[in-house]
Amino acid sequence: MKRQRVAVACVSFAGLVGAAISSVDYSAAAIKSPEPAPAAVLIDTMESELHRAMTSLGNNATDATQPKPYFLSYAVSDSDSMSMTAQFGAITGSRENRRRVADVQVRLGTAAEDNTHGDHRNSALTTIPLPLANDSDAIARTLWFATNRGYGKALDGYLKVKTEQQVRAKEEDASADFSSEKPASAILAPSPALVVDTTAWQDRLRELSGLFKQYPDVFYNNVALEATTETDYFVSSEGAKVATPNHVARLVIVARTRAADGMDLFRAETFEADEVAHLPDQKALIDKTAAMAKNLEALRGAPVTEPFNGPAILSGRASAVFFHEVLGHRLEGQRQRGDDEGQTFTKLLGKQILPTFLSVSDDPTLSEFHGTSLSGHYSYDDEGQQARRVDLIKDGVLDTFLMSRLPIASFSNTNGHGRAETGHMPTGRQGNLIVTSSKTVSDAELREMLKTEAKKQGKAYGLYFEDISSGFAVTTRRSPQAFQVIPLVVYRVYVDGRPDELVRGVSIVGTPQAALNRILATNDKQDIFNGICGAESGSIPVSAVAPAMLVSEIETQRQAQGTARPPILPPPGAASISGGKGGQ
């Protein structure tokens, strides 16, 4: 699914919301995109032009400088989207967007060694906007232009690969550059038209963002509604022909404040559904928004944490981000080959890398989990392969990796996890990472276990991580094999029975194998993280599901302090707000 660094970085959707969106007035009370184009017009043109290219390119047998492609594919993302933002009770931006983009992939040589080898993977890809009209001639002409440009790019890459192979040392992993797969044929119904009652949603966004006017110390807020309907088309010279729909809506609420010592603080809430009508009702959103604002006020007065090394509980959402960053990225197939990759788990197949009570799978076929939509759902990946569940770790033992059509020494075939943002080459990526546990206790029991562990280690407290914003993982061998996770809400849980204490400025750091081996137990309820993950194949939607977990040792450091003062001039109406609160 083509929706819209190598340290890999993942953030909640809130981290991607900008301060404003370019403004376009809506003339009607509701927007409704044009009916989706008949699949036949677009996909038949793609097939026809692809066949013409394959039978024409490299046909001159006497000219060895122009080899025939052994593989050619067209992937088209056809989407309608809308977005709307509000701040402090007023609409700040609204936009509609119609988009149709093609990725043309050309491979020269053989599957064993082609123009994508080594550092030249992107030589296969050319990206170009397609005409929005269902004009077969115009679409064919654009694909023709992109194919010719892509062929030249692929040829340049192939010549460089052949030259480099003459002078470089033997590679650690001599696997092929492309796997042999059975082509899929699945023309699913196009994604439904995008329908949004803009008048009603403008009122809802005004009300939600207006709540922050009651909190003088919140100097920035943004409430954003985003909705997209998209159909992705894929055809290849192998005979693949796939069309898959996707329809998603999300509401993101972000607010920021600044402590007296200059530390910036923010909170965010993200709500996702398969369509706008299925987002939470207004009362639920108001309650969440008010809780966010109150928590920001509390964080301003919270003490700054000191570096800590001791026991901690990560809530289900925090645990999900932890597993995504610390484990998931290192199980992506392409990270097991190449001179630059750290290959943390490459040699540990069949060995225990987690406690025996934990198992991990990745299942993009799940569209929801216990009624909550999952961002990492897709039916077919971006190489036209059917999505499938992959059991990565069984009872703590590593069983396999997340594979695209880039083989590695241990695995020569895809398992339906070749994913990419439009304009990027697909690689093995996470979809819905699911962590399950056979050693579960209640929340109350897990909390008591935290206190017991802290006492055993001579600590006055353990830490409880309630919410997580984002994180990143370094997987290259030229850098330390480390990770960092940025919590938003952290409490000290004292062993002597004192009330929990909210703290700020905490950042979780560590190395993967050490961190994963310190998990002691989990609770009996799984929670969900939905977010956007950025890596070499672009930014893609992902989900992670995990229970809260107790770790015997976690290392934290202080976040950057910041030097800017809070706003010197109070916001308009601050005196009346303060007076009103005092009289309650």
Protein backbone atom coordinates (compact mmCIF):
# COMPACT_ATOMS: atom_id res chain seq x y z
CA MET A 1 0.00 0.00 0.00
CA LYS A 2 1.65 3.23 -1.21
CA ARG A 3 0.49 5.73 1.37
CA GLN A 4 1.91 8.93 2.11
CA ARG A 5 17.31 7.81 6.85
CA VAL A 6 20.03 4.32 7.88
CA ALA A 7 18.71 5.11 11.29
CA VAL A 8 15.05 4.28 11.14
CA ALA A 9 12.62 6.57 12.89
CA CYS A 10 9.00 6.04 13.83
CA VAL A 11 6.55 8.54 15.20
CA SER A 12 2.93 8.70 16.16
CA PHE A 13 0.74 10.35 13.54
CA ALA A 14 0.72 13.43 15.73
CA GLY A 15 4.41 13.93 15.10
CA LEU A 16 3.71 14.49 11.41
CA VAL A 17 1.09 17.20 11.77
CA GLY A 18 2.40 20.58 10.71
CA ALA A 19 1.42 23.96 12.06
CA ALA A 20 -0.78 24.77 9.07
CA ILE A 21 -2.17 23.39 5.84
CA SER A 22 -2.54 25.50 2.73
CA SER A 23 -6.00 26.98 2.69
CA VAL A 24 -8.69 26.22 0.15
CA ASP A 25 -12.32 27.22 0.70
CA TYR A 26 -14.99 24.56 0.40
CA SER A 27 -18.04 25.81 -1.44
CA ALA A 28 -20.31 22.95 -0.41
CA ALA A 29 -21.35 21.59 2.95
CA ALA A 30 -19.89 18.21 2.08
CA ILE A 31 -17.11 17.08 -0.24
CA LYS A 32 -17.47 14.04 -2.35
CA SER A 33 -14.67 12.90 -4.60
CA PRO A 34 -15.44 11.84 -8.14
CA GLU A 35 -16.46 8.23 -8.50
CA PRO A 36 -13.33 6.07 -8.65
CA ALA A 37 -12.05 5.47 -12.17
CA PRO A 38 -13.00 2.11 -13.64
CA ALA A 39 -10.08 -0.19 -12.96
CA ALA A 40 -10.14 -1.39 -16.56
CA VAL A 41 -9.13 1.97 -18.07
CA LEU A 42 -6.01 2.38 -15.98
CA ILE A 43 -4.88 -1.19 -15.54
CA ASP A 44 -5.50 -2.16 -19.19
CA THR A 45 -3.37 0.78 -20.31
CA MET A 46 -0.65 -0.20 -17.86
CA GLU A 47 -0.66 -3.78 -19.16
CA SER A 48 -0.64 -2.73 -22.79
CA GLU A 49 2.26 -0.29 -22.45
CA LEU A 50 4.24 -2.71 -20.29
CA HIS A 51 3.87 -5.45 -22.91
CA ARG A 52 4.94 -3.03 -25.67
CA ALA A 53 8.01 -1.98 -23.68
CA MET A 54 9.06 -5.54 -22.90
CA THR A 55 8.81 -6.60 -26.56
CA SER A 56 10.68 -3.52 -27.82
CA LEU A 57 13.44 -2.68 -25.36
CA GLY A 58 16.74 -4.46 -26.01
CA ASN A 59 15.44 -6.10 -29.18
CA ASN A 60 18.55 -5.32 -31.18
CA ALA A 61 20.55 -8.51 -30.77
CA THR A 62 23.63 -6.92 -32.39
CA ASP A 63 23.83 -4.13 -29.80
CA ALA A 64 25.13 -5.60 -26.54
CA THR A 65 25.10 -2.15 -24.92
CA GLN A 66 21.29 -2.23 -24.77
CA PRO A 67 20.30 -5.47 -22.99
CA LYS A 68 16.70 -6.56 -22.73
CA PRO A 69 15.07 -6.05 -19.31
CA TYR A 70 14.36 -9.29 -17.52
CA PHE A 71 11.75 -7.58 -15.32
CA LEU A 72 9.50 -4.54 -15.66
CA SER A 73 6.66 -3.38 -13.42
CA TYR A 74 4.26 -0.46 -13.10
CA ALA A 75 2.81 0.46 -9.68
CA VAL A 76 0.24 3.24 -9.60
CA SER A 77 -1.21 4.97 -6.53
CA ASP A 78 -4.57 6.61 -7.31
CA SER A 79 -5.97 8.62 -4.40
CA ASP A 80 -8.33 11.32 -3.20
CA SER A 81 -7.67 12.98 0.15
CA MET A 82 -8.80 15.83 2.32
CA SER A 83 -7.38 17.50 5.40
CA MET A 84 -8.60 20.17 7.77
CA THR A 85 -6.92 21.83 10.76
CA ALA A 86 -8.05 24.05 13.61
CA GLN A 87 -6.28 26.00 16.34
CA PHE A 88 -7.70 27.79 19.40
CA GLY A 89 -11.26 27.49 18.14
CA ALA A 90 -10.76 28.54 14.52
CA ILE A 91 -10.17 26.70 11.25
CA THR A 92 -6.60 27.33 10.04
CA GLY A 93 -6.51 25.32 6.85
CA SER A 94 -8.34 22.94 4.58
CA ARG A 95 -7.31 21.09 1.46
CA GLU A 96 -8.52 18.58 -1.08
CA ASN A 97 -6.03 16.64 -3.18
CA ARG A 98 -6.39 14.35 -6.18
CA ARG A 99 -3.25 12.35 -6.92
CA ARG A 100 -2.15 9.65 -9.35
CA VAL A 101 1.52 8.62 -9.34
CA ALA A 102 3.37 5.78 -11.08
CA ASP A 103 6.49 3.92 -9.97
CA VAL A 104 8.22 2.26 -12.93
CA GLN A 105 10.73 -0.47 -12.04
CA VAL A 106 13.25 -1.70 -14.64
CA ARG A 107 15.72 -4.54 -13.94
CA LEU A 108 18.58 -5.44 -16.27
CA GLY A 109 20.91 -8.45 -16.13
CA THR A 110 19.62 -11.50 -14.27
CA ALA A 111 17.88 -12.16 -10.99
CA ALA A 112 21.22 -13.41 -9.66
CA GLU A 113 22.86 -10.05 -10.34
CA ASP A 114 21.13 -6.98 -11.73
CA ASN A 115 21.32 -3.19 -11.69
CA THR A 116 19.98 -3.01 -8.11
CA HIS A 117 22.98 -4.84 -6.63
CA GLY A 118 24.65 -3.39 -3.56
CA ASP A 119 24.35 0.37 -3.27
CA HIS A 120 22.53 0.73 -6.60
CA ARG A 121 19.11 -0.48 -5.53
CA ASN A 122 17.39 2.76 -6.50
CA SER A 123 18.67 2.54 -10.09
CA ALA A 124 15.62 0.41 -10.90
CA LEU A 125 13.03 3.03 -9.96
CA THR A 126 11.55 6.00 -11.81
CA THR A 127 8.58 7.92 -10.40
CA ILE A 128 6.28 10.19 -12.39
CA PRO A 129 2.83 11.81 -11.98
CA LEU A 130 0.15 10.31 -14.24
CA PRO A 131 -2.74 12.15 -15.88
CA LEU A 132 -5.77 12.31 -13.60
CA ALA A 133 -8.19 11.85 -16.48
CA ASN A 134 -9.00 8.33 -17.64
CA ASP A 135 -7.40 9.08 -20.98
CA SER A 136 -5.71 5.91 -22.18
CA ASP A 137 -3.53 7.69 -24.74
CA ALA A 138 -2.28 10.28 -22.24
CA ILE A 139 -1.57 7.64 -19.59
CA ALA A 140 0.28 5.43 -22.11
CA ARG A 141 2.38 8.36 -23.31
CA THR A 142 3.41 9.22 -19.74
CA LEU A 143 4.29 5.60 -18.96
CA TRP A 144 6.30 5.43 -22.19
CA PHE A 145 8.32 8.49 -21.18
CA ALA A 146 8.94 7.16 -17.66
CA THR A 147 9.93 3.71 -19.00
CA ASN A 148 12.49 5.18 -21.38
CA ARG A 149 13.95 7.33 -18.65
CA GLY A 150 13.94 4.36 -16.27
CA TYR A 151 15.69 2.14 -18.79
CA GLY A 152 18.52 4.64 -19.13
CA LYS A 153 18.83 4.91 -15.36
CA ALA A 154 18.85 1.11 -14.99
CA LEU A 155 21.48 0.74 -17.70
CA ASP A 156 23.77 3.22 -15.98
CA GLY A 157 23.32 1.33 -12.70
CA TYR A 158 23.99 -2.04 -14.31
CA LEU A 159 27.24 -0.86 -15.86
CA LYS A 160 28.41 0.44 -12.49
CA VAL A 161 27.53 -2.87 -10.83
CA LYS A 162 29.51 -4.86 -13.41
CA THR A 163 32.51 -2.56 -13.04
CA GLU A 164 32.50 -2.65 -9.25
CA GLN A 165 32.30 -6.44 -9.20
CA GLN A 166 35.67 -6.57 -10.94
CA VAL A 167 37.48 -4.76 -8.14
CA ARG A 168 35.64 -5.49 -4.88
CA ALA A 169 36.30 -8.25 -2.36
CA LYS A 170 33.98 -11.23 -2.01
CA GLU A 171 30.68 -10.35 -0.40
CA GLU A 172 29.56 -11.93 2.87
CA ASP A 173 26.14 -12.74 1.42
CA ALA A 174 26.16 -13.73 -2.24
CA SER A 175 22.38 -14.11 -2.48
CA ALA A 176 20.54 -13.15 -5.65
CA ASP A 177 19.18 -9.64 -6.17
CA PHE A 178 15.60 -10.71 -6.92
CA SER A 179 13.53 -13.69 -5.93
CA SER A 180 11.40 -15.90 -8.14
CA GLU A 181 7.74 -15.68 -7.15
CA LYS A 182 4.38 -16.79 -8.48
CA PRO A 183 2.60 -13.73 -9.95
CA ALA A 184 -0.63 -12.76 -8.23
CA SER A 185 -3.87 -11.83 -9.94
CA ALA A 186 -6.42 -10.00 -7.80
CA ILE A 187 -8.57 -7.12 -8.95
CA LEU A 188 -10.40 -6.05 -5.81
CA ALA A 189 -13.18 -3.47 -5.83
CA PRO A 190 -11.87 0.12 -6.00
CA SER A 191 -11.82 2.12 -2.80
CA PRO A 192 -15.14 3.92 -2.20
CA ALA A 193 -15.58 7.61 -2.92
CA LEU A 194 -14.42 9.98 -0.20
CA VAL A 195 -17.40 11.60 1.55
CA VAL A 196 -16.92 14.08 4.41
CA ASP A 197 -19.46 16.46 5.94
CA THR A 198 -17.09 19.42 6.08
CA THR A 199 -19.50 21.78 7.83
CA ALA A 200 -20.08 19.37 10.70
CA TRP A 201 -16.37 18.57 11.03
CA GLN A 202 -15.39 22.23 10.97
CA ASP A 203 -17.69 22.73 13.95
CA ARG A 204 -16.22 19.72 15.74
CA LEU A 205 -12.62 20.83 15.17
CA ARG A 206 -13.42 24.36 16.33
CA GLU A 207 -14.90 23.00 19.55
CA LEU A 208 -11.98 20.67 20.25
CA SER A 209 -9.24 23.19 19.56
CA GLY A 210 -11.17 25.87 21.45
CA LEU A 211 -10.86 23.87 24.68
CA PHE A 212 -7.19 24.87 24.89
CA LYS A 213 -8.15 28.53 25.32
CA GLN A 214 -8.94 27.62 28.93
CA TYR A 215 -5.26 26.79 29.53
CA PRO A 216 -3.04 29.90 29.31
CA ASP A 217 0.21 27.94 29.42
CA VAL A 218 -0.61 25.92 26.27
CA PHE A 219 0.95 28.15 23.61
CA TYR A 220 0.31 25.86 20.62
CA ASN A 221 -2.34 23.38 19.64
CA ASN A 222 -3.38 21.71 16.42
CA VAL A 223 -6.40 19.52 15.73
CA ALA A 224 -6.21 17.86 12.33
CA LEU A 225 -8.63 15.66 10.42
CA GLU A 226 -7.23 13.61 7.54
CA ALA A 227 -9.14 11.25 5.26
CA THR A 228 -7.95 9.32 2.21
CA THR A 229 -9.44 6.89 -0.25
CA GLU A 230 -6.88 5.12 -2.42
CA THR A 231 -6.64 2.29 -4.92
CA ASP A 232 -3.23 0.83 -5.77
CA TYR A 233 -2.58 -0.91 -9.09
CA PHE A 234 0.34 -3.21 -9.91
CA VAL A 235 1.25 -5.03 -13.12
CA SER A 236 4.50 -6.76 -14.02
CA SER A 237 6.21 -8.55 -16.87
CA GLU A 238 5.85 -11.78 -14.87
CA GLY A 239 2.08 -11.56 -15.31
CA ALA A 240 1.09 -10.03 -11.96
CA LYS A 241 -2.08 -7.91 -12.02
CA VAL A 242 -3.31 -6.55 -8.69
CA ALA A 243 -5.66 -3.76 -7.64
CA THR A 244 -6.24 -3.14 -3.92
CA PRO A 245 -8.32 -0.51 -2.09
CA ASN A 246 -7.60 1.43 1.07
CA HIS A 247 -9.78 3.88 2.97
CA VAL A 248 -8.56 5.56 6.15
CA ALA A 249 -9.48 8.49 8.40
CA ARG A 250 -7.62 9.84 11.39
CA LEU A 251 -7.91 12.69 13.85
CA VAL A 252 -4.77 14.00 15.51
CA ILE A 253 -4.72 16.36 18.50
CA VAL A 254 -1.42 17.97 19.51
CA ALA A 255 -0.67 20.54 22.22
CA ARG A 256 2.56 22.10 23.46
CA THR A 257 3.71 24.02 26.48
CA ARG A 258 7.05 25.08 27.99
CA ALA A 259 8.30 24.73 31.55
CA ALA A 260 9.88 27.67 33.38
CA ASP A 261 13.35 26.16 32.85
CA GLY A 262 12.90 26.15 29.04
CA MET A 263 12.00 22.48 28.51
CA ASP A 264 9.44 22.03 25.74
CA LEU A 265 6.66 19.55 26.49
CA PHE A 266 3.93 18.16 24.30
CA ARG A 267 1.10 15.65 24.35
CA ALA A 268 -0.67 14.01 21.43
CA GLU A 269 -3.64 11.77 20.82
CA THR A 270 -4.39 9.94 17.56
CA PHE A 271 -7.69 8.33 16.59
CA GLU A 272 -7.95 6.16 13.47
CA ALA A 273 -10.80 4.42 11.67
CA ASP A 274 -11.59 2.98 8.28
CA GLU A 275 -13.75 6.03 7.50
CA VAL A 276 -14.58 9.41 9.01
CA ALA A 277 -17.99 8.28 10.26
CA HIS A 278 -16.36 5.65 12.48
CA LEU A 279 -14.10 8.04 14.42
CA PRO A 280 -15.01 8.48 18.13
CA ASP A 281 -17.98 10.65 19.08
CA GLN A 282 -17.45 14.24 20.17
CA LYS A 283 -17.84 13.60 23.91
CA ALA A 284 -15.04 11.02 23.89
CA LEU A 285 -12.81 13.44 21.96
CA ILE A 286 -13.59 16.31 24.34
CA ASP A 287 -12.72 14.15 27.35
CA LYS A 288 -9.39 13.13 25.81
CA THR A 289 -8.56 16.70 24.85
CA ALA A 290 -9.29 18.07 28.32
CA ALA A 291 -7.16 15.31 29.90
CA MET A 292 -4.27 16.20 27.59
CA ALA A 293 -4.40 19.87 28.54
CA LYS A 294 -4.53 19.10 32.28
CA ASN A 295 -1.61 16.70 31.96
CA LEU A 296 0.47 19.37 30.20
CA GLU A 297 -0.16 21.76 33.08
CA ALA A 298 0.96 19.07 35.52
CA LEU A 299 4.10 18.35 33.47
CA ARG A 300 5.16 22.02 33.63
CA GLY A 301 5.52 21.73 37.41
CA ALA A 302 6.95 18.19 37.47
CA PRO A 303 10.58 17.68 38.50
CA VAL A 304 13.19 16.88 35.87
CA THR A 305 14.34 13.27 36.08
CA GLU A 306 17.91 12.25 36.74
CA PRO A 307 19.63 9.50 34.72
CA PHE A 308 18.33 6.15 35.93
CA ASN A 309 19.26 2.50 35.59
CA GLY A 310 16.77 0.18 37.24
CA PRO A 311 13.40 -1.61 36.99
CA ALA A 312 10.49 -0.18 35.04
CA ILE A 313 7.06 -0.95 33.63
CA LEU A 314 6.24 0.05 30.09
CA SER A 315 2.51 0.43 29.48
CA GLY A 316 1.03 -1.52 26.57
CA ARG A 317 1.42 1.39 24.12
CA ALA A 318 4.95 2.14 25.35
CA SER A 319 5.81 -1.55 25.13
CA ALA A 320 4.47 -1.69 21.55
CA VAL A 321 6.75 1.18 20.47
CA PHE A 322 9.64 -0.48 22.30
CA PHE A 323 9.22 -3.76 20.41
CA HIS A 324 8.77 -1.97 17.09
CA GLU A 325 12.02 -0.05 17.54
CA VAL A 326 14.24 -2.44 19.44
CA LEU A 327 13.22 -5.71 17.79
CA GLY A 328 11.08 -5.19 14.70
CA HIS A 329 13.54 -3.20 12.61
CA ARG A 330 16.30 -5.71 13.23
CA LEU A 331 14.09 -8.51 11.89
CA GLU A 332 13.60 -6.84 8.50
CA GLY A 333 15.18 -9.02 5.84
CA GLN A 334 17.48 -6.54 4.08
CA ARG A 335 19.20 -5.81 7.40
CA GLN A 336 20.65 -9.32 7.31
CA ARG A 337 22.83 -8.64 4.24
CA GLY A 338 25.12 -5.87 3.06
CA ASP A 339 28.46 -4.55 4.21
CA ASP A 340 26.94 -1.73 6.24
CA GLU A 341 24.30 -3.62 8.21
CA GLY A 342 24.88 -4.51 11.85
CA GLN A 343 23.08 -7.87 11.42
CA THR A 344 22.14 -8.06 15.10
CA PHE A 345 20.15 -11.28 14.78
CA THR A 346 21.39 -12.72 11.47
CA LYS A 347 23.34 -15.57 13.08
CA LEU A 348 20.76 -16.27 15.78
CA LEU A 349 18.17 -18.21 13.75
CA GLY A 350 16.84 -21.09 15.82
CA LYS A 351 18.21 -19.54 19.01
CA GLN A 352 16.51 -17.86 21.92
CA ILE A 353 16.48 -14.06 21.73
CA LEU A 354 13.49 -13.36 24.01
CA PRO A 355 12.21 -14.91 27.24
CA THR A 356 10.41 -18.18 26.51
CA PHE A 357 7.01 -16.73 27.46
CA LEU A 358 7.07 -14.23 24.56
CA SER A 359 6.18 -14.79 20.90
CA VAL A 360 6.14 -12.23 18.08
CA SER A 361 4.36 -12.26 14.73
CA ASP A 362 3.66 -9.72 12.02
CA ASP A 363 0.18 -9.94 10.54
CA PRO A 364 -0.79 -7.24 8.00
CA THR A 365 -3.98 -9.15 7.17
CA LEU A 366 -5.54 -7.79 10.40
CA SER A 367 -7.50 -4.60 9.75
CA GLU A 368 -8.36 -4.12 13.42
CA PHE A 369 -7.52 -5.41 16.87
CA HIS A 370 -10.31 -5.62 19.46
CA GLY A 371 -12.28 -2.98 17.58
CA THR A 372 -9.41 -0.55 16.98
CA SER A 373 -8.20 0.02 13.41
CA LEU A 374 -4.62 -1.00 12.65
CA SER A 375 -2.54 1.28 10.42
CA GLY A 376 -0.26 -1.52 9.22
CA HIS A 377 -3.01 -3.43 7.43
CA TYR A 378 -2.73 -4.22 3.70
CA SER A 379 -4.00 -6.96 1.39
CA TYR A 380 -1.10 -7.04 -1.09
CA ASP A 381 2.34 -5.57 -0.58
CA ASP A 382 4.05 -3.09 -2.89
CA GLU A 383 5.60 -5.88 -4.98
CA GLY A 384 2.19 -7.36 -5.80
CA GLN A 385 2.55 -10.21 -3.29
CA GLN A 386 -0.29 -11.26 -1.02
CA ALA A 387 0.02 -10.16 2.59
CA ARG A 388 0.44 -12.97 5.07
CA ARG A 389 1.00 -13.58 8.76
CA VAL A 390 4.61 -14.35 9.65
CA ASP A 391 5.56 -15.97 12.96
CA LEU A 392 8.90 -14.33 13.67
CA ILE A 393 9.61 -15.59 17.19
CA LYS A 394 8.02 -18.63 18.80
CA ASP A 395 8.41 -19.07 22.57
CA GLY A 396 11.43 -16.78 22.52
CA VAL A 397 13.17 -18.53 19.61
CA LEU A 398 13.90 -16.63 16.36
CA ASP A 399 12.28 -18.40 13.40
CA THR A 400 12.40 -16.06 10.39
CA PHE A 401 12.66 -12.49 9.08
CA LEU A 402 10.35 -10.03 7.31
CA MET A 403 11.05 -10.60 3.62
CA SER A 404 10.57 -8.64 0.42
CA ARG A 405 11.77 -9.99 -2.94
CA LEU A 406 15.37 -9.23 -1.94
CA PRO A 407 16.76 -12.65 -0.88
CA ILE A 408 19.17 -13.22 1.98
CA ALA A 409 21.42 -16.18 2.77
CA SER A 410 18.83 -18.03 4.84
CA PHE A 411 15.69 -17.15 2.87
CA SER A 412 15.27 -16.90 -0.88
CA ASN A 413 11.61 -15.87 -1.11
CA THR A 414 9.27 -13.12 0.01
CA ASN A 415 6.68 -13.50 2.76
CA GLY A 416 4.55 -10.57 1.64
CA HIS A 417 6.33 -7.76 3.48
CA GLY A 418 7.83 -5.78 0.58
CA ARG A 419 6.64 -2.27 1.43
CA ALA A 420 7.42 1.24 0.25
CA GLU A 421 6.13 4.76 0.05
CA THR A 422 5.53 5.96 -3.51
CA GLY A 423 8.88 6.97 -4.99
CA HIS A 424 10.92 4.35 -3.09
CA MET A 425 12.08 0.79 -3.74
CA PRO A 426 10.27 -1.80 -1.57
CA THR A 427 12.16 -3.52 1.24
CA GLY A 428 11.15 -5.88 4.03
CA ARG A 429 9.17 -3.80 6.52
CA GLN A 430 6.87 -4.25 9.47
CA GLY A 431 3.09 -4.15 9.10
CA ASN A 432 1.20 -5.11 12.28
CA LEU A 433 3.77 -6.38 14.80
CA ILE A 434 1.95 -8.50 17.42
CA VAL A 435 3.55 -9.49 20.74
CA THR A 436 1.88 -12.21 22.82
CA SER A 437 2.79 -13.51 26.27
CA SER A 438 2.11 -16.71 28.19
CA LYS A 439 3.31 -15.23 31.50
CA THR A 440 0.68 -12.64 32.37
CA VAL A 441 -0.42 -11.02 35.61
CA SER A 442 -2.89 -8.26 36.48
CA ASP A 443 -1.85 -4.61 36.45
CA ALA A 444 -1.87 -4.56 40.26
CA GLU A 445 0.38 -7.62 40.43
CA LEU A 446 2.76 -6.17 37.86
CA ARG A 447 3.02 -3.01 39.92
CA GLU A 448 3.86 -4.97 43.07
CA MET A 449 6.49 -6.91 41.13
CA LEU A 450 8.02 -3.56 40.11
CA LYS A 451 8.29 -2.47 43.75
CA THR A 452 9.76 -5.82 44.79
CA GLU A 453 12.40 -5.63 42.04
CA ALA A 454 13.28 -2.04 42.98
CA LYS A 455 13.73 -3.05 46.62
CA LYS A 456 15.92 -5.98 45.59
CA GLN A 457 18.15 -3.59 43.65
CA GLY A 458 18.27 -1.05 46.46
CA LYS A 459 16.32 1.55 44.48
CA ALA A 460 13.94 4.04 46.08
CA TYR A 461 11.60 3.76 43.10
CA GLY A 462 10.96 2.15 39.76
CA LEU A 463 9.67 3.94 36.68
CA TYR A 464 6.30 3.64 34.95
CA PHE A 465 6.16 4.75 31.31
CA GLU A 466 2.55 5.59 30.46
CA ASP A 467 2.82 7.12 26.98
CA ILE A 468 5.40 7.20 24.21
CA SER A 469 5.84 9.70 21.39
CA SER A 470 8.42 8.18 19.07
CA GLY A 471 11.74 6.46 18.75
CA PHE A 472 14.55 5.49 16.43
CA ALA A 473 16.93 2.59 15.96
CA VAL A 474 20.42 2.48 14.49
CA THR A 475 21.04 -0.75 12.57
CA THR A 476 24.26 -0.01 10.65
CA ARG A 477 27.50 -1.63 11.77
CA ARG A 478 29.51 1.61 11.56
CA SER A 479 27.47 3.02 14.44
CA PRO A 480 26.62 1.63 17.89
CA GLN A 481 23.74 -0.87 17.74
CA ALA A 482 21.51 1.33 19.86
CA PHE A 483 17.97 2.63 20.16
CA GLN A 484 16.26 5.61 21.71
CA VAL A 485 12.61 5.95 22.70
CA ILE A 486 11.03 9.26 23.74
CA PRO A 487 8.38 8.93 26.49
CA LEU A 488 5.76 11.63 27.06
CA VAL A 489 4.37 10.64 30.46
CA VAL A 490 6.58 9.00 33.12
CA TYR A 491 5.99 8.36 36.84
CA ARG A 492 8.23 7.36 39.72
CA VAL A 493 6.64 4.47 41.64
CA TYR A 494 8.09 4.58 45.16
CA VAL A 495 8.71 1.40 47.13
CA ASP A 496 7.77 3.03 50.47
CA GLY A 497 4.18 3.64 49.45
CA ARG A 498 4.43 7.36 48.63
CA PRO A 499 2.10 8.49 45.81
CA ASP A 500 3.44 8.14 42.30
CA GLU A 501 5.34 11.20 41.14
CA LEU A 502 5.07 12.62 37.62
CA VAL A 503 8.49 13.50 36.14
CA ARG A 504 9.65 14.97 32.84
CA GLY A 505 12.66 15.03 30.54
CA VAL A 506 13.11 11.24 30.28
CA SER A 507 14.62 9.41 27.30
CA ILE A 508 15.02 5.61 27.14
CA VAL A 509 18.30 4.41 25.63
CA GLY A 510 20.05 1.08 25.28
CA THR A 511 21.22 -1.78 23.10
CA PRO A 512 18.77 -4.37 21.76
CA GLN A 513 20.00 -7.73 23.04
CA ALA A 514 20.58 -6.44 26.57
CA ALA A 515 17.16 -4.77 26.73
CA LEU A 516 15.22 -7.74 25.37
CA ASN A 517 16.75 -10.19 27.83
CA ARG A 518 15.61 -8.18 30.86
CA ILE A 519 11.86 -8.66 30.41
CA LEU A 520 10.44 -10.35 33.54
CA ALA A 521 6.66 -10.46 33.01
CA THR A 522 3.72 -8.85 31.22
CA ASN A 523 0.18 -7.87 32.07
CA ASP A 524 -2.87 -9.54 30.57
CA LYS A 525 -4.03 -6.76 28.21
CA GLN A 526 -2.53 -5.82 24.84
CA ASP A 527 -2.46 -2.20 23.71
CA ILE A 528 -1.91 -0.57 20.29
CA PHE A 529 0.52 1.88 18.75
CA ASN A 530 -0.41 3.33 15.34
CA GLY A 531 2.19 5.47 13.64
CA ILE A 532 4.32 6.36 10.63
CA CYS A 533 7.69 4.68 10.24
CA GLY A 534 10.46 6.17 8.13
CA ALA A 535 13.34 4.15 6.68
CA GLU A 536 15.12 3.61 3.36
CA SER A 537 11.91 2.61 1.57
CA GLY A 538 10.11 5.74 2.75
CA SER A 539 7.50 6.54 5.36
CA ILE A 540 4.77 3.93 5.73
CA PRO A 541 1.90 3.34 8.19
CA VAL A 542 2.62 0.72 10.85
CA SER A 543 1.08 -0.72 14.00
CA ALA A 544 2.43 -2.59 16.99
CA VAL A 545 0.40 -4.48 19.59
CA ALA A 546 1.88 -5.55 22.92
CA PRO A 547 1.04 -6.04 26.61
CA ALA A 548 2.54 -3.87 29.34
CA MET A 549 5.81 -5.37 30.50
CA LEU A 550 8.10 -5.30 33.51
CA VAL A 551 11.84 -5.08 32.82
CA SER A 552 14.47 -5.66 35.49
CA GLU A 553 16.69 -2.89 34.17
CA ILE A 554 16.18 0.02 31.84
CA GLU A 555 18.51 2.94 31.21
CA THR A 556 17.29 6.49 30.87
CA GLN A 557 18.99 9.78 30.16
CA ARG A 558 17.86 13.39 30.30
CA GLN A 559 16.33 14.97 27.23
CA ALA A 560 17.64 18.24 25.84
CA GLN A 561 16.76 21.04 28.26
CA GLY A 562 16.01 23.95 25.92
CA THR A 563 16.92 27.56 26.58
CA ALA A 564 13.90 29.57 25.43
CA ARG A 565 11.71 31.09 28.10
CA PRO A 566 7.95 30.51 28.21
CA PRO A 567 5.98 33.30 26.52
CA ILE A 568 6.61 36.55 28.40
CA LEU A 569 3.35 38.19 27.37
CA PRO A 570 0.32 36.28 28.68
CA PRO A 571 -2.25 35.21 26.10
CA PRO A 572 -5.34 37.34 25.48
CA GLY A 573 -7.95 36.77 28.18
CA ALA A 574 -5.51 35.03 30.53
CA ALA A 575 -6.59 37.16 33.49
CA SER A 576 -10.25 36.27 33.07
CA ILE A 577 -9.40 32.59 32.67
CA SER A 578 -7.32 32.65 35.86
CA GLY A 579 -10.07 34.49 37.73
CA GLY A 580 -12.67 32.05 36.51
CA LYS A 581 -10.66 29.07 37.70
CA GLY A 582 -10.09 30.65 41.08
CA GLY A 583 -13.78 31.11 41.63
CA GLN A 584 -14.65 27.47 41.03
